[in-house]
Amino acid sequence: MQTLFKEITPKRYVNGNEMKENSSNVLDQYFTKPSVALKCFQKACEVIKKYENPDDFIF
């Protein structure tokens, strides 16, 4: 599942602009860390598994 997350998630916003780290906003830095995003993704998968089949979803 970790590989799927890395393959599908581009480093661009929906409007096509490239994502850049915001060094002036500490909170933004925290939430844009790949390790934090991966932990949130894995937690979401755990919750979904309780009620649904995660293979039915595209992340």
PDB file of N, CA and C in Angstrom:
ATOM      1  N   MET A   1       0.825  -1.194   0.000  1.00  0.00           N
ATOM      2  CA  MET A   1       0.000   0.000   0.000  1.00  0.00           C
ATOM      3  C   MET A   1       0.868   1.257   0.000  1.00  0.00           C
ATOM      4  N   GLN A   2       2.020   1.191   0.641  1.00  0.00           N
ATOM      5  CA  GLN A   2       2.920   2.334   0.679  1.00  0.00           C
ATOM      6  C   GLN A   2       3.395   2.692  -0.734  1.00  0.00           C
ATOM      7  N   THR A   3       3.673   1.699  -1.550  1.00  0.00           N
ATOM      8  CA  THR A   3       4.107   1.937  -2.915  1.00  0.00           C
ATOM      9  C   THR A   3       3.007   2.620  -3.717  1.00  0.00           C
ATOM     10  N   LEU A   4       1.783   2.182  -3.553  1.00  0.00           N
ATOM     11  CA  LEU A   4       0.647   2.780  -4.248  1.00  0.00           C
ATOM     12  C   LEU A   4       0.533   4.256  -3.904  1.00  0.00           C
ATOM     13  N   PHE A   5       0.712   4.586  -2.641  1.00  0.00           N
ATOM     14  CA  PHE A   5       0.608   5.971  -2.195  1.00  0.00           C
ATOM     15  C   PHE A   5       1.651   6.843  -2.888  1.00  0.00           C
ATOM     16  N   LYS A   6       2.867   6.344  -2.994  1.00  0.00           N
ATOM     17  CA  LYS A   6       3.938   7.123  -3.606  1.00  0.00           C
ATOM     18  C   LYS A   6       3.731   7.274  -5.110  1.00  0.00           C
ATOM     19  N   GLU A   7       3.206   6.250  -5.767  1.00  0.00           N
ATOM     20  CA  GLU A   7       3.037   6.295  -7.212  1.00  0.00           C
ATOM     21  C   GLU A   7       1.927   7.246  -7.636  1.00  0.00           C
ATOM     22  N   ILE A   8       0.834   7.265  -6.907  1.00  0.00           N
ATOM     23  CA  ILE A   8      -0.332   8.044  -7.311  1.00  0.00           C
ATOM     24  C   ILE A   8      -0.217   9.510  -6.913  1.00  0.00           C
ATOM     25  N   THR A   9       0.437   9.791  -5.803  1.00  0.00           N
ATOM     26  CA  THR A   9       0.473  11.150  -5.284  1.00  0.00           C
ATOM     27  C   THR A   9       1.541  11.983  -5.994  1.00  0.00           C
ATOM     28  N   PRO A  10       1.123  12.875  -6.903  1.00  0.00           N
ATOM     29  CA  PRO A  10       2.101  13.741  -7.558  1.00  0.00           C
ATOM     30  C   PRO A  10       2.489  14.893  -6.634  1.00  0.00           C
ATOM     31  N   LYS A  11       3.587  15.543  -6.928  1.00  0.00           N
ATOM     32  CA  LYS A  11       4.009  16.681  -6.126  1.00  0.00           C
ATOM     33  C   LYS A  11       3.530  17.969  -6.785  1.00  0.00           C
ATOM     34  N   ARG A  12       2.283  17.933  -7.228  1.00  0.00           N
ATOM     35  CA  ARG A  12       1.675  19.107  -7.841  1.00  0.00           C
ATOM     36  C   ARG A  12       0.262  19.279  -7.294  1.00  0.00           C
ATOM     37  N   TYR A  13      -0.159  20.520  -7.289  1.00  0.00           N
ATOM     38  CA  TYR A  13      -1.525  20.810  -6.891  1.00  0.00           C
ATOM     39  C   TYR A  13      -2.451  20.496  -8.058  1.00  0.00           C
ATOM     40  N   VAL A  14      -3.732  20.487  -7.803  1.00  0.00           N
ATOM     41  CA  VAL A  14      -4.719  20.189  -8.839  1.00  0.00           C
ATOM     42  C   VAL A  14      -4.611  21.175 -10.002  1.00  0.00           C
ATOM     43  N   ASN A  15      -4.299  22.437  -9.701  1.00  0.00           N
ATOM     44  CA  ASN A  15      -4.212  23.444 -10.755  1.00  0.00           C
ATOM     45  C   ASN A  15      -2.913  23.356 -11.558  1.00  0.00           C
ATOM     46  N   GLY A  16      -2.042  22.382 -11.227  1.00  0.00           N
ATOM     47  CA  GLY A  16      -0.819  22.177 -11.993  1.00  0.00           C
ATOM     48  C   GLY A  16       0.419  22.813 -11.402  1.00  0.00           C
ATOM     49  N   ASN A  17       0.248  23.700 -10.424  1.00  0.00           N
ATOM     50  CA  ASN A  17       1.407  24.330  -9.802  1.00  0.00           C
ATOM     51  C   ASN A  17       2.190  23.318  -8.976  1.00  0.00           C
ATOM     52  N   GLU A  18       3.491  23.504  -8.912  1.00  0.00           N
ATOM     53  CA  GLU A  18       4.345  22.588  -8.162  1.00  0.00           C
ATOM     54  C   GLU A  18       4.258  22.891  -6.667  1.00  0.00           C
ATOM     55  N   MET A  19       4.224  21.821  -5.855  1.00  0.00           N
ATOM     56  CA  MET A  19       4.202  21.987  -4.403  1.00  0.00           C
ATOM     57  C   MET A  19       5.588  22.394  -3.921  1.00  0.00           C
ATOM     58  N   LYS A  20       5.626  23.389  -3.045  1.00  0.00           N
ATOM     59  CA  LYS A  20       6.887  23.843  -2.465  1.00  0.00           C
ATOM     60  C   LYS A  20       6.740  23.881  -0.955  1.00  0.00           C
ATOM     61  N   GLU A  21       7.829  23.608  -0.263  1.00  0.00           N
ATOM     62  CA  GLU A  21       7.802  23.653   1.196  1.00  0.00           C
ATOM     63  C   GLU A  21       7.719  25.104   1.645  1.00  0.00           C
ATOM     64  N   ASN A  22       6.853  25.389   2.585  1.00  0.00           N
ATOM     65  CA  ASN A  22       6.681  26.733   3.111  1.00  0.00           C
ATOM     66  C   ASN A  22       7.530  26.865   4.372  1.00  0.00           C
ATOM     67  N   SER A  23       8.715  27.440   4.242  1.00  0.00           N
ATOM     68  CA  SER A  23       9.641  27.528   5.370  1.00  0.00           C
ATOM     69  C   SER A  23       9.218  28.576   6.397  1.00  0.00           C
ATOM     70  N   SER A  24       8.298  29.464   6.053  1.00  0.00           N
ATOM     71  CA  SER A  24       7.877  30.500   6.993  1.00  0.00           C
ATOM     72  C   SER A  24       6.688  30.073   7.853  1.00  0.00           C
ATOM     73  N   ASN A  25       6.106  28.917   7.565  1.00  0.00           N
ATOM     74  CA  ASN A  25       4.940  28.463   8.310  1.00  0.00           C
ATOM     75  C   ASN A  25       5.244  27.097   8.927  1.00  0.00           C
ATOM     76  N   VAL A  26       5.496  27.079  10.228  1.00  0.00           N
ATOM     77  CA  VAL A  26       5.883  25.850  10.919  1.00  0.00           C
ATOM     78  C   VAL A  26       4.787  24.796  10.813  1.00  0.00           C
ATOM     79  N   LEU A  27       3.530  25.185  10.952  1.00  0.00           N
ATOM     80  CA  LEU A  27       2.426  24.236  10.875  1.00  0.00           C
ATOM     81  C   LEU A  27       2.352  23.604   9.487  1.00  0.00           C
ATOM     82  N   ASP A  28       2.544  24.405   8.457  1.00  0.00           N
ATOM     83  CA  ASP A  28       2.530  23.896   7.092  1.00  0.00           C
ATOM     84  C   ASP A  28       3.668  22.903   6.878  1.00  0.00           C
ATOM     85  N   GLN A  29       4.842  23.193   7.433  1.00  0.00           N
ATOM     86  CA  GLN A  29       5.983  22.282   7.321  1.00  0.00           C
ATOM     87  C   GLN A  29       5.641  20.937   7.939  1.00  0.00           C
ATOM     88  N   TYR A  30       4.962  20.962   9.076  1.00  0.00           N
ATOM     89  CA  TYR A  30       4.617  19.724   9.776  1.00  0.00           C
ATOM     90  C   TYR A  30       3.703  18.859   8.917  1.00  0.00           C
ATOM     91  N   PHE A  31       2.697  19.454   8.337  1.00  0.00           N
ATOM     92  CA  PHE A  31       1.714  18.679   7.588  1.00  0.00           C
ATOM     93  C   PHE A  31       2.183  18.291   6.190  1.00  0.00           C
ATOM     94  N   THR A  32       3.240  18.912   5.682  1.00  0.00           N
ATOM     95  CA  THR A  32       3.721  18.544   4.353  1.00  0.00           C
ATOM     96  C   THR A  32       4.867  17.540   4.410  1.00  0.00           C
ATOM     97  N   LYS A  33       5.245  17.102   5.603  1.00  0.00           N
ATOM     98  CA  LYS A  33       6.302  16.096   5.707  1.00  0.00           C
ATOM     99  C   LYS A  33       5.769  14.770   5.163  1.00  0.00           C
ATOM    100  N   PRO A  34       6.509  14.125   4.275  1.00  0.00           N
ATOM    101  CA  PRO A  34       6.060  12.843   3.718  1.00  0.00           C
ATOM    102  C   PRO A  34       5.794  11.788   4.790  1.00  0.00           C
ATOM    103  N   SER A  35       6.589  11.777   5.846  1.00  0.00           N
ATOM    104  CA  SER A  35       6.395  10.768   6.896  1.00  0.00           C
ATOM    105  C   SER A  35       5.065  10.971   7.616  1.00  0.00           C
ATOM    106  N   VAL A  36       4.671  12.226   7.828  1.00  0.00           N
ATOM    107  CA  VAL A  36       3.395  12.517   8.487  1.00  0.00           C
ATOM    108  C   VAL A  36       2.240  12.146   7.562  1.00  0.00           C
ATOM    109  N   ALA A  37       2.375  12.489   6.291  1.00  0.00           N
ATOM    110  CA  ALA A  37       1.324  12.157   5.319  1.00  0.00           C
ATOM    111  C   ALA A  37       1.137  10.645   5.223  1.00  0.00           C
ATOM    112  N   LEU A  38       2.239   9.903   5.236  1.00  0.00           N
ATOM    113  CA  LEU A  38       2.155   8.450   5.140  1.00  0.00           C
ATOM    114  C   LEU A  38       1.476   7.859   6.370  1.00  0.00           C
ATOM    115  N   LYS A  39       1.796   8.376   7.556  1.00  0.00           N
ATOM    116  CA  LYS A  39       1.154   7.889   8.785  1.00  0.00           C
ATOM    117  C   LYS A  39      -0.349   8.166   8.755  1.00  0.00           C
ATOM    118  N   CYS A  40      -0.730   9.351   8.290  1.00  0.00           N
ATOM    119  CA  CYS A  40      -2.157   9.685   8.186  1.00  0.00           C
ATOM    120  C   CYS A  40      -2.848   8.766   7.184  1.00  0.00           C
ATOM    121  N   PHE A  41      -2.192   8.492   6.073  1.00  0.00           N
ATOM    122  CA  PHE A  41      -2.735   7.602   5.054  1.00  0.00           C
ATOM    123  C   PHE A  41      -2.929   6.199   5.618  1.00  0.00           C
ATOM    124  N   GLN A  42      -1.922   5.698   6.331  1.00  0.00           N
ATOM    125  CA  GLN A  42      -2.008   4.354   6.905  1.00  0.00           C
ATOM    126  C   GLN A  42      -3.110   4.280   7.959  1.00  0.00           C
ATOM    127  N   LYS A  43      -3.255   5.330   8.763  1.00  0.00           N
ATOM    128  CA  LYS A  43      -4.315   5.360   9.775  1.00  0.00           C
ATOM    129  C   LYS A  43      -5.688   5.364   9.099  1.00  0.00           C
ATOM    130  N   ALA A  44      -5.818   6.129   8.030  1.00  0.00           N
ATOM    131  CA  ALA A  44      -7.088   6.154   7.296  1.00  0.00           C
ATOM    132  C   ALA A  44      -7.412   4.768   6.751  1.00  0.00           C
ATOM    133  N   CYS A  45      -6.405   4.070   6.254  1.00  0.00           N
ATOM    134  CA  CYS A  45      -6.620   2.710   5.739  1.00  0.00           C
ATOM    135  C   CYS A  45      -7.070   1.770   6.846  1.00  0.00           C
ATOM    136  N   GLU A  46      -6.495   1.911   8.040  1.00  0.00           N
ATOM    137  CA  GLU A  46      -6.900   1.073   9.177  1.00  0.00           C
ATOM    138  C   GLU A  46      -8.370   1.298   9.526  1.00  0.00           C
ATOM    139  N   VAL A  47      -8.783   2.552   9.538  1.00  0.00           N
ATOM    140  CA  VAL A  47     -10.174   2.878   9.867  1.00  0.00           C
ATOM    141  C   VAL A  47     -11.111   2.338   8.787  1.00  0.00           C
ATOM    142  N   ILE A  48     -10.740   2.519   7.529  1.00  0.00           N
ATOM    143  CA  ILE A  48     -11.573   2.034   6.427  1.00  0.00           C
ATOM    144  C   ILE A  48     -11.716   0.521   6.484  1.00  0.00           C
ATOM    145  N   LYS A  49     -10.632  -0.184   6.843  1.00  0.00           N
ATOM    146  CA  LYS A  49     -10.661  -1.652   6.911  1.00  0.00           C
ATOM    147  C   LYS A  49     -11.702  -2.164   7.897  1.00  0.00           C
ATOM    148  N   LYS A  50     -12.020  -1.374   8.905  1.00  0.00           N
ATOM    149  CA  LYS A  50     -13.008  -1.796   9.901  1.00  0.00           C
ATOM    150  C   LYS A  50     -14.406  -1.899   9.290  1.00  0.00           C
ATOM    151  N   TYR A  51     -14.666  -1.096   8.263  1.00  0.00           N
ATOM    152  CA  TYR A  51     -16.018  -1.004   7.715  1.00  0.00           C
ATOM    153  C   TYR A  51     -16.133  -1.398   6.242  1.00  0.00           C
ATOM    154  N   GLU A  52     -15.057  -1.234   5.492  1.00  0.00           N
ATOM    155  CA  GLU A  52     -15.097  -1.448   4.043  1.00  0.00           C
ATOM    156  C   GLU A  52     -13.850  -2.200   3.584  1.00  0.00           C
ATOM    157  N   ASN A  53     -13.866  -2.614   2.337  1.00  0.00           N
ATOM    158  CA  ASN A  53     -12.693  -3.216   1.715  1.00  0.00           C
ATOM    159  C   ASN A  53     -11.851  -2.083   1.118  1.00  0.00           C
ATOM    160  N   PRO A  54     -10.623  -1.860   1.614  1.00  0.00           N
ATOM    161  CA  PRO A  54      -9.808  -0.746   1.111  1.00  0.00           C
ATOM    162  C   PRO A  54      -9.467  -0.860  -0.374  1.00  0.00           C
ATOM    163  N   ASP A  55      -9.549  -2.055  -0.929  1.00  0.00           N
ATOM    164  CA  ASP A  55      -9.264  -2.220  -2.352  1.00  0.00           C
ATOM    165  C   ASP A  55     -10.352  -1.604  -3.230  1.00  0.00           C
ATOM    166  N   ASP A  56     -11.493  -1.251  -2.628  1.00  0.00           N
ATOM    167  CA  ASP A  56     -12.576  -0.609  -3.371  1.00  0.00           C
ATOM    168  C   ASP A  56     -12.335   0.890  -3.553  1.00  0.00           C
ATOM    169  N   PHE A  57     -11.289   1.422  -2.922  1.00  0.00           N
ATOM    170  CA  PHE A  57     -11.010   2.853  -2.954  1.00  0.00           C
ATOM    171  C   PHE A  57      -9.748   3.131  -3.753  1.00  0.00           C
ATOM    172  N   ILE A  58      -9.702   4.283  -4.389  1.00  0.00           N
ATOM    173  CA  ILE A  58      -8.504   4.735  -5.095  1.00  0.00           C
ATOM    174  C   ILE A  58      -7.960   5.927  -4.321  1.00  0.00           C
ATOM    175  N   PHE A  59      -6.742   5.796  -3.848  1.00  0.00           N
ATOM    176  CA  PHE A  59      -6.119   6.882  -3.077  1.00  0.00           C
ATOM    177  C   PHE A  59      -5.153   7.625  -3.953  1.00  0.00           C
TER     178      PHE A  59
END
